[in-house]
N, C-alpha and C. Protein backbone atom coordinates (compact mmCIF):
# COMPACT_ATOMS: atom_id res chain seq x y z
N UNK A 1 -16.25 -17.17 -16.90
CA UNK A 1 -16.42 -16.35 -15.73
C UNK A 1 -15.11 -15.84 -15.25
N UNK A 2 -15.01 -14.55 -14.95
CA UNK A 2 -13.71 -13.93 -14.62
C UNK A 2 -13.31 -14.40 -13.21
N UNK A 3 -12.07 -14.55 -13.09
CA UNK A 3 -11.58 -14.93 -11.72
C UNK A 3 -11.61 -13.79 -10.83
N UNK A 4 -12.12 -13.93 -9.62
CA UNK A 4 -12.26 -12.85 -8.67
C UNK A 4 -10.91 -12.71 -7.96
N UNK A 5 -10.42 -11.43 -7.88
CA UNK A 5 -9.12 -11.18 -7.16
C UNK A 5 -9.44 -11.32 -5.71
N UNK A 6 -8.45 -11.91 -5.01
CA UNK A 6 -8.64 -11.91 -3.48
C UNK A 6 -8.59 -10.50 -3.04
N UNK A 7 -9.46 -10.22 -2.07
CA UNK A 7 -9.40 -8.80 -1.61
C UNK A 7 -8.35 -8.59 -0.49
N UNK A 8 -7.90 -7.39 -0.40
CA UNK A 8 -6.92 -7.02 0.62
C UNK A 8 -7.78 -6.97 1.94
N UNK A 9 -7.24 -7.63 2.98
CA UNK A 9 -7.95 -7.71 4.22
C UNK A 9 -7.62 -6.45 5.14
N UNK A 10 -8.41 -6.49 6.28
CA UNK A 10 -8.28 -5.50 7.28
C UNK A 10 -6.85 -5.19 7.78
N UNK A 11 -6.08 -6.31 7.97
CA UNK A 11 -4.77 -6.19 8.48
C UNK A 11 -3.83 -5.38 7.51
N UNK A 12 -4.09 -5.44 6.27
CA UNK A 12 -3.29 -4.63 5.30
C UNK A 12 -3.46 -3.21 5.56
N UNK A 13 -4.76 -2.77 5.73
CA UNK A 13 -4.99 -1.29 5.96
C UNK A 13 -4.45 -0.88 7.32
N UNK A 14 -4.61 -1.74 8.30
CA UNK A 14 -4.11 -1.35 9.59
C UNK A 14 -2.56 -1.29 9.53
N UNK A 15 -1.85 -2.10 8.71
CA UNK A 15 -0.48 -2.03 8.57
C UNK A 15 -0.13 -0.67 7.81
N UNK A 16 -0.92 -0.27 6.86
CA UNK A 16 -0.69 0.97 6.20
C UNK A 16 -0.83 2.14 7.15
N UNK A 17 -1.84 2.05 8.05
CA UNK A 17 -1.98 3.07 9.09
C UNK A 17 -0.73 3.14 9.94
N UNK A 18 -0.18 1.98 10.36
CA UNK A 18 1.01 1.91 11.17
C UNK A 18 2.19 2.64 10.51
N UNK A 19 2.34 2.36 9.10
CA UNK A 19 3.36 3.02 8.38
C UNK A 19 3.17 4.55 8.42
N UNK A 20 1.91 4.93 8.20
CA UNK A 20 1.61 6.40 8.08
C UNK A 20 1.88 7.04 9.46
N UNK A 21 1.69 6.30 10.60
CA UNK A 21 1.92 6.84 11.90
C UNK A 21 3.45 6.89 12.29
N UNK A 22 4.22 6.28 11.43
CA UNK A 22 5.67 6.14 11.85
C UNK A 22 6.37 7.40 12.22
N UNK A 23 5.96 8.48 11.55
CA UNK A 23 6.66 9.78 11.83
C UNK A 23 5.94 10.49 13.10
N UNK A 24 5.07 9.79 13.75
CA UNK A 24 4.42 10.37 14.85
C UNK A 24 3.14 11.16 14.55
N UNK A 25 2.80 11.26 13.22
CA UNK A 25 1.62 12.01 12.84
C UNK A 25 1.01 11.41 11.63
N UNK A 26 -0.27 11.16 11.75
CA UNK A 26 -0.95 10.65 10.54
C UNK A 26 -2.00 11.75 10.24
N UNK A 27 -1.85 12.45 9.15
CA UNK A 27 -2.74 13.64 8.91
C UNK A 27 -4.09 13.10 8.30
N UNK A 28 -4.97 13.97 8.30
CA UNK A 28 -6.38 13.62 7.80
C UNK A 28 -6.43 13.07 6.45
N UNK A 29 -5.55 13.69 5.55
CA UNK A 29 -5.64 13.17 4.11
C UNK A 29 -5.06 11.71 4.08
N UNK A 30 -3.99 11.38 4.85
CA UNK A 30 -3.47 10.06 4.86
C UNK A 30 -4.52 9.16 5.40
N UNK A 31 -5.21 9.51 6.53
CA UNK A 31 -6.16 8.67 7.09
C UNK A 31 -7.37 8.43 6.13
N UNK A 32 -7.76 9.52 5.49
CA UNK A 32 -8.90 9.35 4.60
C UNK A 32 -8.52 8.47 3.35
N UNK A 33 -7.30 8.49 2.92
CA UNK A 33 -6.82 7.66 1.81
C UNK A 33 -6.89 6.22 2.27
N UNK A 34 -6.44 5.81 3.46
CA UNK A 34 -6.43 4.47 3.89
C UNK A 34 -7.88 4.00 4.06
N UNK A 35 -8.77 4.76 4.66
CA UNK A 35 -10.16 4.42 4.78
C UNK A 35 -10.86 4.27 3.45
N UNK A 36 -10.58 5.18 2.50
CA UNK A 36 -11.19 5.17 1.19
C UNK A 36 -10.75 3.89 0.43
N UNK A 37 -9.50 3.47 0.54
CA UNK A 37 -9.08 2.24 -0.10
C UNK A 37 -9.82 1.08 0.47
N UNK A 38 -9.99 1.06 1.83
CA UNK A 38 -10.71 -0.11 2.43
C UNK A 38 -12.08 -0.14 1.96
N UNK A 39 -12.80 1.06 1.86
CA UNK A 39 -14.15 1.10 1.43
C UNK A 39 -14.27 0.66 -0.07
N UNK A 40 -13.36 1.05 -0.90
CA UNK A 40 -13.33 0.63 -2.27
C UNK A 40 -13.14 -0.85 -2.42
N UNK A 41 -12.44 -1.43 -1.53
CA UNK A 41 -12.07 -2.83 -1.46
C UNK A 41 -13.33 -3.65 -1.05
N UNK A 42 -14.26 -3.00 -0.53
CA UNK A 42 -15.59 -3.65 -0.09
C UNK A 42 -15.49 -4.34 1.32
N UNK A 43 -14.67 -3.82 2.16
CA UNK A 43 -14.60 -4.45 3.48
C UNK A 43 -15.91 -4.15 4.27
N UNK A 44 -16.25 -4.99 5.23
CA UNK A 44 -17.49 -4.71 5.97
C UNK A 44 -17.35 -3.63 6.95
N UNK A 45 -18.45 -3.18 7.45
CA UNK A 45 -18.50 -2.01 8.30
C UNK A 45 -17.67 -2.17 9.69
N UNK A 46 -17.64 -3.39 10.21
CA UNK A 46 -16.79 -3.61 11.43
C UNK A 46 -15.41 -3.49 11.11
N UNK A 47 -14.95 -4.03 9.93
CA UNK A 47 -13.52 -3.87 9.58
C UNK A 47 -13.18 -2.41 9.30
N UNK A 48 -14.09 -1.73 8.66
CA UNK A 48 -13.80 -0.27 8.39
C UNK A 48 -13.67 0.50 9.70
N UNK A 49 -14.50 0.16 10.73
CA UNK A 49 -14.48 0.81 11.96
C UNK A 49 -13.08 0.55 12.66
N UNK A 50 -12.57 -0.74 12.49
CA UNK A 50 -11.27 -0.99 13.09
C UNK A 50 -10.12 -0.20 12.42
N UNK A 51 -10.31 -0.12 11.11
CA UNK A 51 -9.31 0.68 10.28
C UNK A 51 -9.37 2.19 10.64
N UNK A 52 -10.57 2.72 10.77
CA UNK A 52 -10.65 4.11 11.21
C UNK A 52 -10.02 4.32 12.57
N UNK A 53 -10.23 3.37 13.46
CA UNK A 53 -9.64 3.51 14.85
C UNK A 53 -8.08 3.54 14.63
N UNK A 54 -7.55 2.72 13.78
CA UNK A 54 -6.11 2.70 13.64
C UNK A 54 -5.57 3.93 13.07
N UNK A 55 -6.46 4.71 12.42
CA UNK A 55 -6.01 6.03 11.77
C UNK A 55 -6.10 7.13 12.86
N UNK A 56 -6.74 6.84 14.02
CA UNK A 56 -6.92 7.90 14.95
C UNK A 56 -5.95 7.80 16.10
N UNK A 57 -5.42 6.66 16.40
CA UNK A 57 -4.43 6.54 17.47
C UNK A 57 -3.28 5.65 16.90
N UNK A 58 -2.05 6.07 17.20
CA UNK A 58 -0.85 5.35 16.78
C UNK A 58 -0.90 3.86 17.16
N UNK A 59 -0.45 3.03 16.22
CA UNK A 59 -0.35 1.63 16.41
C UNK A 59 1.02 1.10 15.89
N UNK A 60 1.37 -0.05 16.39
CA UNK A 60 2.65 -0.66 15.91
C UNK A 60 2.35 -1.44 14.66
N UNK A 61 3.41 -1.55 13.87
CA UNK A 61 3.32 -2.37 12.68
C UNK A 61 3.41 -3.88 13.08
N UNK A 62 2.28 -4.56 13.14
CA UNK A 62 2.23 -5.91 13.61
C UNK A 62 2.57 -6.89 12.53
N UNK A 63 2.34 -8.13 12.85
CA UNK A 63 2.56 -9.17 11.86
C UNK A 63 1.42 -9.12 10.85
N UNK A 64 1.77 -9.22 9.63
CA UNK A 64 0.76 -9.18 8.55
C UNK A 64 0.54 -10.59 8.16
N UNK A 65 -0.72 -11.04 7.96
CA UNK A 65 -1.05 -12.24 7.42
C UNK A 65 -0.98 -12.28 5.93
N UNK A 66 0.04 -12.89 5.38
CA UNK A 66 0.30 -12.85 3.91
C UNK A 66 -0.38 -13.95 3.13
N UNK A 67 -0.92 -14.88 3.90
CA UNK A 67 -1.36 -16.18 3.14
C UNK A 67 -2.44 -15.88 2.15
N UNK A 68 -3.24 -14.79 2.24
CA UNK A 68 -4.30 -14.53 1.22
C UNK A 68 -3.83 -13.40 0.27
N UNK A 69 -2.54 -12.96 0.30
CA UNK A 69 -2.08 -11.94 -0.59
C UNK A 69 -1.21 -12.55 -1.71
N UNK A 70 -1.56 -12.12 -2.92
CA UNK A 70 -0.76 -12.53 -4.00
C UNK A 70 0.51 -11.70 -4.13
N UNK A 71 1.41 -11.97 -4.97
CA UNK A 71 2.60 -11.21 -5.13
C UNK A 71 2.23 -9.75 -5.47
N UNK A 72 1.21 -9.66 -6.49
CA UNK A 72 0.77 -8.34 -6.89
C UNK A 72 0.18 -7.56 -5.74
N UNK A 73 -0.60 -8.19 -4.86
CA UNK A 73 -1.19 -7.61 -3.69
C UNK A 73 -0.11 -7.02 -2.78
N UNK A 74 0.97 -7.85 -2.53
CA UNK A 74 1.99 -7.45 -1.59
C UNK A 74 2.74 -6.24 -2.17
N UNK A 75 2.96 -6.26 -3.43
CA UNK A 75 3.72 -5.18 -4.10
C UNK A 75 2.83 -3.86 -4.09
N UNK A 76 1.56 -4.07 -4.30
CA UNK A 76 0.63 -2.93 -4.29
C UNK A 76 0.68 -2.24 -2.85
N UNK A 77 0.47 -3.09 -1.81
CA UNK A 77 0.49 -2.60 -0.50
C UNK A 77 1.79 -1.81 -0.11
N UNK A 78 2.90 -2.38 -0.57
CA UNK A 78 4.19 -1.67 -0.34
C UNK A 78 4.24 -0.36 -1.10
N UNK A 79 3.71 -0.30 -2.31
CA UNK A 79 3.75 0.91 -3.10
C UNK A 79 2.90 1.99 -2.51
N UNK A 80 1.62 1.55 -2.05
CA UNK A 80 0.77 2.53 -1.35
C UNK A 80 1.45 3.08 -0.11
N UNK A 81 2.15 2.22 0.65
CA UNK A 81 2.88 2.66 1.83
C UNK A 81 3.89 3.74 1.42
N UNK A 82 4.64 3.45 0.43
CA UNK A 82 5.66 4.42 -0.08
C UNK A 82 5.02 5.77 -0.37
N UNK A 83 3.92 5.69 -1.10
CA UNK A 83 3.21 6.94 -1.40
C UNK A 83 2.72 7.63 -0.25
N UNK A 84 2.17 6.91 0.79
CA UNK A 84 1.66 7.56 2.00
C UNK A 84 2.79 8.30 2.78
N UNK A 85 3.96 7.68 2.73
CA UNK A 85 5.03 8.33 3.48
C UNK A 85 5.51 9.65 2.91
N UNK A 86 5.14 9.84 1.56
CA UNK A 86 5.63 11.08 0.93
C UNK A 86 4.53 12.15 0.92
N UNK A 87 3.35 11.87 1.36
CA UNK A 87 2.20 12.79 1.30
C UNK A 87 2.46 14.15 1.97
N UNK A 88 3.18 14.13 3.06
CA UNK A 88 3.46 15.40 3.83
C UNK A 88 4.65 16.05 3.26
N UNK A 89 5.35 15.51 2.30
CA UNK A 89 6.53 16.18 1.64
C UNK A 89 7.85 15.83 2.36
N UNK A 90 7.76 15.05 3.49
CA UNK A 90 9.03 14.67 4.23
C UNK A 90 8.92 13.26 4.53
N UNK A 91 10.01 12.42 4.23
CA UNK A 91 10.10 11.09 4.64
C UNK A 91 11.04 10.96 5.74
N UNK A 92 10.53 10.67 6.97
CA UNK A 92 11.43 10.62 8.15
C UNK A 92 12.21 9.35 8.20
N UNK A 93 13.18 9.29 9.07
CA UNK A 93 13.95 8.02 9.31
C UNK A 93 12.99 7.02 9.86
N UNK A 94 12.09 7.33 10.69
CA UNK A 94 11.08 6.41 11.31
C UNK A 94 10.15 5.76 10.24
N UNK A 95 9.79 6.69 9.22
CA UNK A 95 8.97 6.16 8.14
C UNK A 95 9.75 5.21 7.29
N UNK A 96 11.01 5.57 7.00
CA UNK A 96 11.88 4.67 6.18
C UNK A 96 12.02 3.29 6.99
N UNK A 97 12.21 3.35 8.18
CA UNK A 97 12.37 2.18 9.05
C UNK A 97 11.01 1.28 8.96
N UNK A 98 9.90 2.04 9.09
CA UNK A 98 8.63 1.29 9.07
C UNK A 98 8.42 0.64 7.64
N UNK A 99 8.79 1.41 6.59
CA UNK A 99 8.71 0.85 5.21
C UNK A 99 9.59 -0.38 5.11
N UNK A 100 10.77 -0.37 5.65
CA UNK A 100 11.61 -1.54 5.64
C UNK A 100 11.02 -2.69 6.40
N UNK A 101 10.42 -2.50 7.53
CA UNK A 101 9.74 -3.49 8.23
C UNK A 101 8.59 -4.04 7.55
N UNK A 102 7.84 -3.15 6.89
CA UNK A 102 6.66 -3.61 6.05
C UNK A 102 7.13 -4.49 4.91
N UNK A 103 8.21 -3.99 4.26
CA UNK A 103 8.76 -4.83 3.10
C UNK A 103 9.19 -6.18 3.57
N UNK A 104 9.80 -6.30 4.76
CA UNK A 104 10.23 -7.57 5.33
C UNK A 104 9.00 -8.44 5.68
N UNK A 105 7.99 -7.73 6.30
CA UNK A 105 6.81 -8.55 6.72
C UNK A 105 6.07 -9.11 5.47
N UNK A 106 6.08 -8.31 4.37
CA UNK A 106 5.38 -8.75 3.14
C UNK A 106 6.30 -9.70 2.33
N UNK A 107 7.53 -9.83 2.75
CA UNK A 107 8.58 -10.65 2.01
C UNK A 107 8.71 -10.14 0.58
N UNK A 108 8.88 -8.82 0.49
CA UNK A 108 9.13 -8.11 -0.81
C UNK A 108 10.68 -7.81 -0.77
N UNK A 109 11.43 -8.43 -1.74
CA UNK A 109 12.89 -8.14 -1.88
C UNK A 109 13.14 -6.68 -2.21
N UNK A 110 14.41 -6.20 -1.91
CA UNK A 110 14.83 -4.85 -2.16
C UNK A 110 14.55 -4.30 -3.54
N UNK A 111 14.95 -5.07 -4.50
CA UNK A 111 14.80 -4.57 -5.94
C UNK A 111 13.36 -4.26 -6.24
N UNK A 112 12.39 -5.25 -6.03
CA UNK A 112 10.99 -4.98 -6.30
C UNK A 112 10.45 -3.83 -5.41
N UNK A 113 10.99 -3.60 -4.26
CA UNK A 113 10.55 -2.43 -3.44
C UNK A 113 10.86 -1.14 -4.19
N UNK A 114 12.07 -1.07 -4.69
CA UNK A 114 12.53 0.17 -5.43
C UNK A 114 11.67 0.29 -6.68
N UNK A 115 11.35 -0.74 -7.33
CA UNK A 115 10.60 -0.66 -8.58
C UNK A 115 9.13 -0.14 -8.30
N UNK A 116 8.52 -0.69 -7.32
CA UNK A 116 7.15 -0.36 -7.06
C UNK A 116 7.09 1.08 -6.41
N UNK A 117 8.13 1.45 -5.63
CA UNK A 117 8.14 2.80 -5.20
C UNK A 117 8.22 3.81 -6.37
N UNK A 118 9.04 3.48 -7.39
CA UNK A 118 9.15 4.26 -8.54
C UNK A 118 7.79 4.32 -9.37
N UNK A 119 7.00 3.16 -9.44
CA UNK A 119 5.73 3.18 -10.03
C UNK A 119 4.83 4.06 -9.29
N UNK A 120 4.83 4.02 -7.97
CA UNK A 120 4.00 4.90 -7.14
C UNK A 120 4.23 6.43 -7.40
N UNK A 121 5.51 6.72 -7.57
CA UNK A 121 5.90 8.11 -7.88
C UNK A 121 5.43 8.51 -9.26
N UNK A 122 5.56 7.53 -10.26
CA UNK A 122 5.17 7.82 -11.62
C UNK A 122 3.65 8.14 -11.67
N UNK A 123 2.82 7.35 -10.88
CA UNK A 123 1.37 7.56 -10.86
C UNK A 123 1.08 8.89 -10.26
N UNK A 124 1.79 9.26 -9.18
CA UNK A 124 1.58 10.53 -8.57
C UNK A 124 1.99 11.73 -9.49
N UNK A 125 3.03 11.55 -10.20
CA UNK A 125 3.49 12.59 -11.06
C UNK A 125 2.67 12.86 -12.33
N UNK A 126 1.95 11.74 -12.78
CA UNK A 126 1.09 11.98 -13.94
C UNK A 126 -0.33 12.35 -13.67
N UNK A 127 -0.60 12.58 -12.45
CA UNK A 127 -1.97 12.94 -12.03
C UNK A 127 -1.98 13.82 -10.84
N UNK A 128 -2.77 13.48 -9.92
CA UNK A 128 -3.00 14.28 -8.68
C UNK A 128 -2.63 13.34 -7.55
N UNK A 129 -1.61 13.67 -6.71
CA UNK A 129 -1.21 12.80 -5.68
C UNK A 129 -2.00 13.00 -4.36
N UNK A 130 -3.00 13.90 -4.42
CA UNK A 130 -3.84 14.10 -3.24
C UNK A 130 -4.66 12.84 -3.02
N UNK A 131 -4.81 12.41 -1.75
CA UNK A 131 -5.55 11.18 -1.50
C UNK A 131 -6.86 10.97 -2.07
N UNK A 132 -7.59 12.09 -2.24
CA UNK A 132 -8.96 11.95 -2.77
C UNK A 132 -8.92 11.76 -4.30
N UNK A 133 -7.78 12.03 -4.91
CA UNK A 133 -7.71 11.97 -6.36
C UNK A 133 -6.59 11.02 -6.85
N UNK A 134 -5.74 10.48 -5.99
CA UNK A 134 -4.66 9.63 -6.41
C UNK A 134 -5.27 8.40 -7.16
N UNK A 135 -4.62 8.03 -8.25
CA UNK A 135 -5.16 6.94 -8.98
C UNK A 135 -4.68 5.57 -8.48
N UNK A 136 -5.43 5.06 -7.43
CA UNK A 136 -5.10 3.81 -6.83
C UNK A 136 -5.24 2.62 -7.82
N UNK A 137 -6.33 2.79 -8.65
CA UNK A 137 -6.62 1.69 -9.66
C UNK A 137 -5.46 1.70 -10.65
N UNK A 138 -5.01 2.87 -11.10
CA UNK A 138 -3.90 2.89 -12.04
C UNK A 138 -2.64 2.40 -11.48
N UNK A 139 -2.39 2.67 -10.22
CA UNK A 139 -1.18 2.08 -9.54
C UNK A 139 -1.26 0.55 -9.53
N UNK A 140 -2.45 0.04 -9.18
CA UNK A 140 -2.61 -1.43 -9.12
C UNK A 140 -2.42 -2.03 -10.50
N UNK A 141 -3.01 -1.36 -11.57
CA UNK A 141 -2.88 -1.81 -12.99
C UNK A 141 -1.40 -1.74 -13.36
N UNK A 142 -0.69 -0.70 -13.07
CA UNK A 142 0.72 -0.56 -13.45
C UNK A 142 1.61 -1.66 -12.88
N UNK A 143 1.30 -1.94 -11.61
CA UNK A 143 2.08 -3.03 -10.97
C UNK A 143 1.74 -4.34 -11.61
N UNK A 144 0.52 -4.59 -11.89
CA UNK A 144 0.13 -5.88 -12.54
C UNK A 144 0.71 -6.02 -13.94
N UNK A 145 0.68 -4.89 -14.64
CA UNK A 145 1.32 -4.91 -16.01
C UNK A 145 2.80 -5.14 -15.97
N UNK A 146 3.39 -4.52 -14.96
CA UNK A 146 4.94 -4.69 -14.84
C UNK A 146 5.25 -6.20 -14.43
N UNK A 147 4.43 -6.78 -13.61
CA UNK A 147 4.62 -8.12 -13.22
C UNK A 147 4.43 -9.08 -14.47
N UNK A 148 3.41 -8.82 -15.27
CA UNK A 148 3.17 -9.62 -16.47
C UNK A 148 4.24 -9.53 -17.42
N UNK A 149 4.79 -8.28 -17.61
CA UNK A 149 5.91 -8.05 -18.53
C UNK A 149 7.11 -8.75 -18.06
N UNK A 150 7.44 -8.72 -16.79
CA UNK A 150 8.60 -9.41 -16.26
C UNK A 150 8.46 -10.93 -16.42
N UNK A 151 7.29 -11.45 -16.20
CA UNK A 151 7.03 -12.87 -16.31
C UNK A 151 7.19 -13.33 -17.73
N UNK A 152 6.74 -12.50 -18.67
CA UNK A 152 6.81 -12.76 -20.13
C UNK A 152 8.22 -12.84 -20.48
N UNK A 153 9.07 -11.91 -19.99
CA UNK A 153 10.51 -11.87 -20.30
C UNK A 153 11.13 -13.17 -19.79
N UNK A 154 10.79 -13.46 -18.53
CA UNK A 154 11.38 -14.64 -17.87
C UNK A 154 10.98 -15.96 -18.69
N UNK A 155 9.74 -16.09 -19.11
CA UNK A 155 9.28 -17.20 -19.88
C UNK A 155 9.91 -17.31 -21.21
N UNK A 156 10.28 -16.11 -21.82
CA UNK A 156 10.92 -16.11 -23.13
C UNK A 156 12.37 -16.47 -23.11
N UNK A 157 12.99 -16.48 -21.83
CA UNK A 157 14.44 -16.77 -21.91
C UNK A 157 14.72 -18.29 -22.13
């Protein structure tokens, strides 16, 4: 029987909304991307409603409960946040600050942050970076593959 991946919870998507709001504007495409990811994750209707509300009114980047997030999950969330900040073509100082706060809240060190940001850009560059077509599954797979490769190198040392 395949091991079921822990799902990303409501707080993760609310944190992504907070990062997207960091520049004072969360456009419809960014909001749709966040809600679509939550729907694809299988969150219940009450959680989806809370996430939708977070995409309609600015919220602060609160404390994220990391206890149910694997390293891969935390890297994925950070990568998605990086991608969201670039959707409008401009990454503001407020968005950069919000990304830094998210990275700290997720306990993702600087080097892995840069790596997953690069992976998010690679995925966007090889396909369509519009929220309705961005390859979130491919992003998650690429991060997982990179982690496995790094672990294999580490184990081979």
